[in-house]
PDB file of N, CA and C in Angstrom:
ATOM      1  N   MET A   1       4.340 -73.564  96.536  1.00  0.00           N
ATOM      2  CA  MET A   1       5.369 -73.506  96.045  1.00  0.00           C
ATOM      3  C   MET A   1       6.161 -72.419  97.438  1.00  0.00           C
ATOM      4  N   ASN A   2       6.915 -72.729  98.337  1.00  0.00           N
ATOM      5  CA  ASN A   2       7.742 -72.444  99.432  1.00  0.00           C
ATOM      6  C   ASN A   2       8.289 -70.357  98.667  1.00  0.00           C
ATOM      7  N   ASN A   3       8.644 -69.977  99.823  1.00  0.00           N
ATOM      8  CA  ASN A   3       9.294 -68.482  99.334  1.00  0.00           C
ATOM      9  C   ASN A   3      10.512 -68.973  98.955  1.00  0.00           C
ATOM     10  N   GLU A   4      11.088 -69.988  99.395  1.00  0.00           N
ATOM     11  CA  GLU A   4      12.918 -70.365  98.877  1.00  0.00           C
ATOM     12  C   GLU A   4      12.434 -70.568  97.297  1.00  0.00           C
ATOM     13  N   GLU A   5      11.736 -71.571  96.770  1.00  0.00           N
ATOM     14  CA  GLU A   5      11.699 -72.295  95.866  1.00  0.00           C
ATOM     15  C   GLU A   5      11.349 -71.041  94.987  1.00  0.00           C
ATOM     16  N   MET A   6      10.438 -70.326  94.909  1.00  0.00           N
ATOM     17  CA  MET A   6       9.826 -68.912  94.569  1.00  0.00           C
ATOM     18  C   MET A   6      11.451 -68.440  93.960  1.00  0.00           C
ATOM     19  N   LYS A   7      12.135 -68.300  95.297  1.00  0.00           N
ATOM     20  CA  LYS A   7      13.465 -67.425  94.708  1.00  0.00           C
ATOM     21  C   LYS A   7      14.338 -67.906  94.135  1.00  0.00           C
ATOM     22  N   ASN A   8      14.384 -68.963  94.310  1.00  0.00           N
ATOM     23  CA  ASN A   8      14.881 -69.768  93.608  1.00  0.00           C
ATOM     24  C   ASN A   8      14.538 -70.080  91.154  1.00  0.00           C
ATOM     25  N   LYS A   9      13.047 -70.354  91.388  1.00  0.00           N
ATOM     26  CA  LYS A   9      12.442 -69.688  90.187  1.00  0.00           C
ATOM     27  C   LYS A   9      13.211 -68.726  89.659  1.00  0.00           C
ATOM     28  N   ILE A  10      12.472 -67.194  90.793  1.00  0.00           N
ATOM     29  CA  ILE A  10      12.930 -65.894  89.940  1.00  0.00           C
ATOM     30  C   ILE A  10      14.671 -66.076  89.632  1.00  0.00           C
ATOM     31  N   GLU A  11      15.397 -66.752  90.339  1.00  0.00           N
ATOM     32  CA  GLU A  11      16.416 -66.897  90.208  1.00  0.00           C
ATOM     33  C   GLU A  11      16.881 -66.877  88.555  1.00  0.00           C
ATOM     34  N   ARG A  12      16.378 -68.140  87.941  1.00  0.00           N
ATOM     35  CA  ARG A  12      16.973 -68.884  86.824  1.00  0.00           C
ATOM     36  C   ARG A  12      16.309 -68.243  86.209  1.00  0.00           C
ATOM     37  N   LEU A  13      14.895 -67.873  86.275  1.00  0.00           N
ATOM     38  CA  LEU A  13      14.041 -66.517  85.324  1.00  0.00           C
ATOM     39  C   LEU A  13      15.397 -65.381  84.804  1.00  0.00           C
ATOM     40  N   GLU A  14      15.479 -65.393  86.070  1.00  0.00           N
ATOM     41  CA  GLU A  14      16.779 -63.757  85.772  1.00  0.00           C
ATOM     42  C   GLU A  14      17.580 -63.981  85.227  1.00  0.00           C
ATOM     43  N   GLU A  15      18.205 -64.801  85.209  1.00  0.00           N
ATOM     44  CA  GLU A  15      19.835 -65.838  84.752  1.00  0.00           C
ATOM     45  C   GLU A  15      19.282 -66.087  83.064  1.00  0.00           C
ATOM     46  N   ARG A  16      17.741 -66.640  82.697  1.00  0.00           N
ATOM     47  CA  ARG A  16      17.723 -66.836  81.658  1.00  0.00           C
ATOM     48  C   ARG A  16      17.715 -65.284  80.421  1.00  0.00           C
ATOM     49  N   ILE A  17      17.257 -64.658  80.986  1.00  0.00           N
ATOM     50  CA  ILE A  17      16.372 -63.655  80.754  1.00  0.00           C
ATOM     51  C   ILE A  17      17.983 -62.760  80.166  1.00  0.00           C
ATOM     52  N   ARG A  18      18.592 -62.623  81.490  1.00  0.00           N
ATOM     53  CA  ARG A  18      20.360 -61.817  80.653  1.00  0.00           C
ATOM     54  C   ARG A  18      20.732 -62.689  79.541  1.00  0.00           C
ATOM     55  N   GLY A  19      20.807 -64.052  79.672  1.00  0.00           N
ATOM     56  CA  GLY A  19      21.230 -64.532  78.470  1.00  0.00           C
ATOM     57  C   GLY A  19      20.571 -64.324  77.201  1.00  0.00           C
ATOM     58  N   LEU A  20      19.291 -64.466  77.382  1.00  0.00           N
ATOM     59  CA  LEU A  20      18.410 -63.874  76.314  1.00  0.00           C
ATOM     60  C   LEU A  20      18.936 -62.690  76.050  1.00  0.00           C
ATOM     61  N   GLU A  21      18.738 -61.094  76.552  1.00  0.00           N
ATOM     62  CA  GLU A  21      19.631 -59.994  76.272  1.00  0.00           C
ATOM     63  C   GLU A  21      20.905 -60.035  75.638  1.00  0.00           C
ATOM     64  N   ARG A  22      22.025 -61.030  76.220  1.00  0.00           N
ATOM     65  CA  ARG A  22      23.010 -61.010  75.295  1.00  0.00           C
ATOM     66  C   ARG A  22      23.050 -61.702  73.811  1.00  0.00           C
ATOM     67  N   ASP A  23      21.994 -62.910  73.871  1.00  0.00           N
ATOM     68  CA  ASP A  23      21.689 -63.378  72.526  1.00  0.00           C
ATOM     69  C   ASP A  23      21.304 -62.440  71.435  1.00  0.00           C
ATOM     70  N   LEU A  24      20.010 -61.733  71.887  1.00  0.00           N
ATOM     71  CA  LEU A  24      19.859 -60.660  71.221  1.00  0.00           C
ATOM     72  C   LEU A  24      20.966 -59.278  71.005  1.00  0.00           C
ATOM     73  N   ASP A  25      21.557 -58.885  71.866  1.00  0.00           N
ATOM     74  CA  ASP A  25      22.777 -57.540  71.258  1.00  0.00           C
ATOM     75  C   ASP A  25      23.481 -58.603  70.054  1.00  0.00           C
ATOM     76  N   GLU A  26      23.634 -59.509  70.586  1.00  0.00           N
ATOM     77  CA  GLU A  26      24.899 -60.400  69.502  1.00  0.00           C
ATOM     78  C   GLU A  26      24.093 -60.541  68.008  1.00  0.00           C
ATOM     79  N   LEU A  27      23.024 -61.030  68.007  1.00  0.00           N
ATOM     80  CA  LEU A  27      22.148 -61.195  67.131  1.00  0.00           C
ATOM     81  C   LEU A  27      21.731 -59.525  66.179  1.00  0.00           C
ATOM     82  N   HIS A  28      22.237 -58.686  67.088  1.00  0.00           N
ATOM     83  CA  HIS A  28      21.159 -57.097  66.760  1.00  0.00           C
ATOM     84  C   HIS A  28      22.956 -56.636  65.839  1.00  0.00           C
ATOM     85  N   SER A  29      24.153 -57.010  66.322  1.00  0.00           N
ATOM     86  CA  SER A  29      25.362 -56.272  66.106  1.00  0.00           C
ATOM     87  C   SER A  29      26.016 -57.229  64.917  1.00  0.00           C
ATOM     88  N   GLU A  30      25.292 -58.432  64.671  1.00  0.00           N
ATOM     89  CA  GLU A  30      25.438 -59.671  63.233  1.00  0.00           C
ATOM     90  C   GLU A  30      24.672 -58.940  62.484  1.00  0.00           C
ATOM     91  N   LEU A  31      23.496 -58.480  62.737  1.00  0.00           N
ATOM     92  CA  LEU A  31      22.477 -57.910  61.522  1.00  0.00           C
ATOM     93  C   LEU A  31      22.771 -56.445  60.652  1.00  0.00           C
ATOM     94  N   GLU A  32      23.249 -56.019  61.794  1.00  0.00           N
ATOM     95  CA  GLU A  32      23.745 -54.000  61.505  1.00  0.00           C
ATOM     96  C   GLU A  32      24.636 -53.939  60.105  1.00  0.00           C
ATOM     97  N   PRO A  33      25.712 -54.949  59.963  1.00  0.00           N
ATOM     98  CA  PRO A  33      26.554 -54.980  58.544  1.00  0.00           C
ATOM     99  C   PRO A  33      25.593 -55.145  57.374  1.00  0.00           C
ATOM    100  N   LEU A  34      24.382 -56.300  57.647  1.00  0.00           N
ATOM    101  CA  LEU A  34      23.731 -56.363  56.360  1.00  0.00           C
ATOM    102  C   LEU A  34      22.895 -55.435  56.232  1.00  0.00           C
ATOM    103  N   ARG A  35      22.343 -54.761  57.458  1.00  0.00           N
ATOM    104  CA  ARG A  35      20.965 -53.454  57.168  1.00  0.00           C
ATOM    105  C   ARG A  35      21.725 -52.452  56.300  1.00  0.00           C
ATOM    106  N   ILE A  36      22.988 -52.171  56.967  1.00  0.00           N
ATOM    107  CA  ILE A  36      24.361 -51.198  55.721  1.00  0.00           C
ATOM    108  C   ILE A  36      24.318 -51.755  54.469  1.00  0.00           C
ATOM    109  N   SER A  37      24.855 -53.034  54.301  1.00  0.00           N
ATOM    110  CA  SER A  37      24.892 -53.446  52.917  1.00  0.00           C
ATOM    111  C   SER A  37      23.635 -53.335  51.961  1.00  0.00           C
ATOM    112  N   ARG A  38      22.315 -53.454  52.757  1.00  0.00           N
ATOM    113  CA  ARG A  38      20.804 -53.535  51.891  1.00  0.00           C
ATOM    114  C   ARG A  38      20.430 -52.279  51.540  1.00  0.00           C
ATOM    115  N   GLN A  39      20.957 -51.470  52.238  1.00  0.00           N
ATOM    116  CA  GLN A  39      20.432 -49.849  52.104  1.00  0.00           C
ATOM    117  C   GLN A  39      21.868 -49.263  51.090  1.00  0.00           C
ATOM    118  N   ASN A  40      22.935 -49.964  50.835  1.00  0.00           N
ATOM    119  CA  ASN A  40      24.350 -49.662  49.748  1.00  0.00           C
ATOM    120  C   ASN A  40      23.352 -49.687  48.887  1.00  0.00           C
ATOM    121  N   MET A  41      23.308 -51.181  48.230  1.00  0.00           N
ATOM    122  CA  MET A  41      22.578 -52.130  47.403  1.00  0.00           C
ATOM    123  C   MET A  41      21.058 -51.107  46.752  1.00  0.00           C
ATOM    124  N   LYS A  42      20.245 -50.892  47.656  1.00  0.00           N
ATOM    125  CA  LYS A  42      19.471 -49.776  47.397  1.00  0.00           C
ATOM    126  C   LYS A  42      19.650 -48.506  46.985  1.00  0.00           C
ATOM    127  N   ASP A  43      20.770 -47.711  47.428  1.00  0.00           N
ATOM    128  CA  ASP A  43      21.225 -46.490  46.936  1.00  0.00           C
ATOM    129  C   ASP A  43      21.600 -46.022  45.341  1.00  0.00           C
ATOM    130  N   LEU A  44      22.527 -47.882  44.864  1.00  0.00           N
ATOM    131  CA  LEU A  44      23.378 -48.307  44.262  1.00  0.00           C
ATOM    132  C   LEU A  44      22.252 -48.147  42.946  1.00  0.00           C
ATOM    133  N   MET A  45      21.271 -48.920  43.421  1.00  0.00           N
ATOM    134  CA  MET A  45      20.261 -49.610  42.039  1.00  0.00           C
ATOM    135  C   MET A  45      19.765 -48.120  41.990  1.00  0.00           C
ATOM    136  N   GLU A  46      19.416 -47.399  42.836  1.00  0.00           N
ATOM    137  CA  GLU A  46      18.427 -46.037  42.124  1.00  0.00           C
ATOM    138  C   GLU A  46      19.461 -45.351  41.548  1.00  0.00           C
ATOM    139  N   GLU A  47      20.972 -45.421  41.383  1.00  0.00           N
ATOM    140  CA  GLU A  47      21.845 -44.335  40.720  1.00  0.00           C
ATOM    141  C   GLU A  47      22.065 -44.870  39.709  1.00  0.00           C
ATOM    142  N   VAL A  48      22.230 -46.212  39.306  1.00  0.00           N
ATOM    143  CA  VAL A  48      21.698 -46.881  38.056  1.00  0.00           C
ATOM    144  C   VAL A  48      20.670 -46.672  37.176  1.00  0.00           C
ATOM    145  N   ALA A  49      19.356 -46.363  37.917  1.00  0.00           N
ATOM    146  CA  ALA A  49      18.267 -46.095  37.585  1.00  0.00           C
ATOM    147  C   ALA A  49      17.965 -44.962  37.019  1.00  0.00           C
ATOM    148  N   LYS A  50      18.543 -43.792  37.892  1.00  0.00           N
ATOM    149  CA  LYS A  50      18.781 -42.159  37.077  1.00  0.00           C
ATOM    150  C   LYS A  50      19.953 -42.393  35.994  1.00  0.00           C
ATOM    151  N   LEU A  51      20.796 -43.125  35.489  1.00  0.00           N
ATOM    152  CA  LEU A  51      21.705 -42.901  34.965  1.00  0.00           C
ATOM    153  C   LEU A  51      21.146 -43.307  33.450  1.00  0.00           C
ATOM    154  N   ALA A  52      19.953 -44.271  33.766  1.00  0.00           N
ATOM    155  CA  ALA A  52      19.367 -45.358  32.778  1.00  0.00           C
ATOM    156  C   ALA A  52      18.180 -44.068  32.027  1.00  0.00           C
ATOM    157  N   ASN A  53      17.670 -44.022  32.942  1.00  0.00           N
ATOM    158  CA  ASN A  53      16.263 -42.807  33.256  1.00  0.00           C
ATOM    159  C   ASN A  53      15.537 -43.931  32.505  1.00  0.00           C
ATOM    160  N   GLN A  54      15.472 -45.449  33.619  1.00  0.00           N
ATOM    161  CA  GLN A  54      14.486 -45.981  33.738  1.00  0.00           C
ATOM    162  C   GLN A  54      14.224 -46.890  35.574  1.00  0.00           C
ATOM    163  N   PRO A  55      12.721 -46.448  35.360  1.00  0.00           N
ATOM    164  CA  PRO A  55      12.549 -46.869  36.597  1.00  0.00           C
ATOM    165  C   PRO A  55      12.925 -48.239  37.489  1.00  0.00           C
ATOM    166  N   VAL A  56      13.206 -48.118  38.490  1.00  0.00           N
ATOM    167  CA  VAL A  56      14.274 -49.005  39.102  1.00  0.00           C
ATOM    168  C   VAL A  56      13.412 -50.624  39.206  1.00  0.00           C
ATOM    169  N   GLY A  57      12.100 -50.607  39.608  1.00  0.00           N
ATOM    170  CA  GLY A  57      11.387 -52.088  39.186  1.00  0.00           C
ATOM    171  C   GLY A  57      11.854 -52.161  37.850  1.00  0.00           C
ATOM    172  N   MET A  58      11.845 -51.810  36.525  1.00  0.00           N
ATOM    173  CA  MET A  58      12.365 -52.132  35.611  1.00  0.00           C
ATOM    174  C   MET A  58      13.543 -52.608  35.057  1.00  0.00           C
ATOM    175  N   LEU A  59      14.496 -52.516  35.725  1.00  0.00           N
ATOM    176  CA  LEU A  59      15.826 -52.763  35.748  1.00  0.00           C
ATOM    177  C   LEU A  59      16.271 -54.009  36.573  1.00  0.00           C
ATOM    178  N   PHE A  60      15.513 -53.404  37.418  1.00  0.00           N
ATOM    179  CA  PHE A  60      16.035 -54.773  38.710  1.00  0.00           C
ATOM    180  C   PHE A  60      14.770 -55.782  38.882  1.00  0.00           C
ATOM    181  N   THR A  61      14.432 -56.438  38.219  1.00  0.00           N
ATOM    182  CA  THR A  61      13.320 -57.574  38.158  1.00  0.00           C
ATOM    183  C   THR A  61      13.652 -58.739  38.888  1.00  0.00           C
ATOM    184  N   ARG A  62      14.323 -58.985  39.046  1.00  0.00           N
ATOM    185  CA  ARG A  62      14.375 -60.616  39.586  1.00  0.00           C
ATOM    186  C   ARG A  62      15.093 -60.603  41.090  1.00  0.00           C
ATOM    187  N   LEU A  63      14.809 -59.369  41.874  1.00  0.00           N
ATOM    188  CA  LEU A  63      15.166 -59.692  43.660  1.00  0.00           C
ATOM    189  C   LEU A  63      14.388 -60.046  44.103  1.00  0.00           C
ATOM    190  N   LYS A  64      15.012 -60.774  45.099  1.00  0.00           N
ATOM    191  CA  LYS A  64      13.859 -61.534  45.901  1.00  0.00           C
ATOM    192  C   LYS A  64      13.958 -60.532  47.475  1.00  0.00           C
ATOM    193  N   ARG A  65      12.739 -60.383  48.433  1.00  0.00           N
ATOM    194  CA  ARG A  65      12.781 -59.748  49.360  1.00  0.00           C
ATOM    195  C   ARG A  65      13.191 -60.719  50.395  1.00  0.00           C
TER     196      ARG A  65
END
C-alpha cells in the first residue's frame, strides 16, 4: 500500500469513527429517559413496599429485567 492509499484509508476510518461517535451520542440521549423512568419505578416500588410493610420482592413478583 502506498502513502496515498494509506492516507485515504485513514480518512475513511476517521469518518467512520466520527459517525459511530454521533450514533453513540444519539443512543445515549435516547436511553437517558429510560434510565430515569426505571429509577422512578424502583423508587415507587420501594415506597409501596414500605407502606405495605412488605419486602419489594414479595409485592412485585412479575417484573422482568
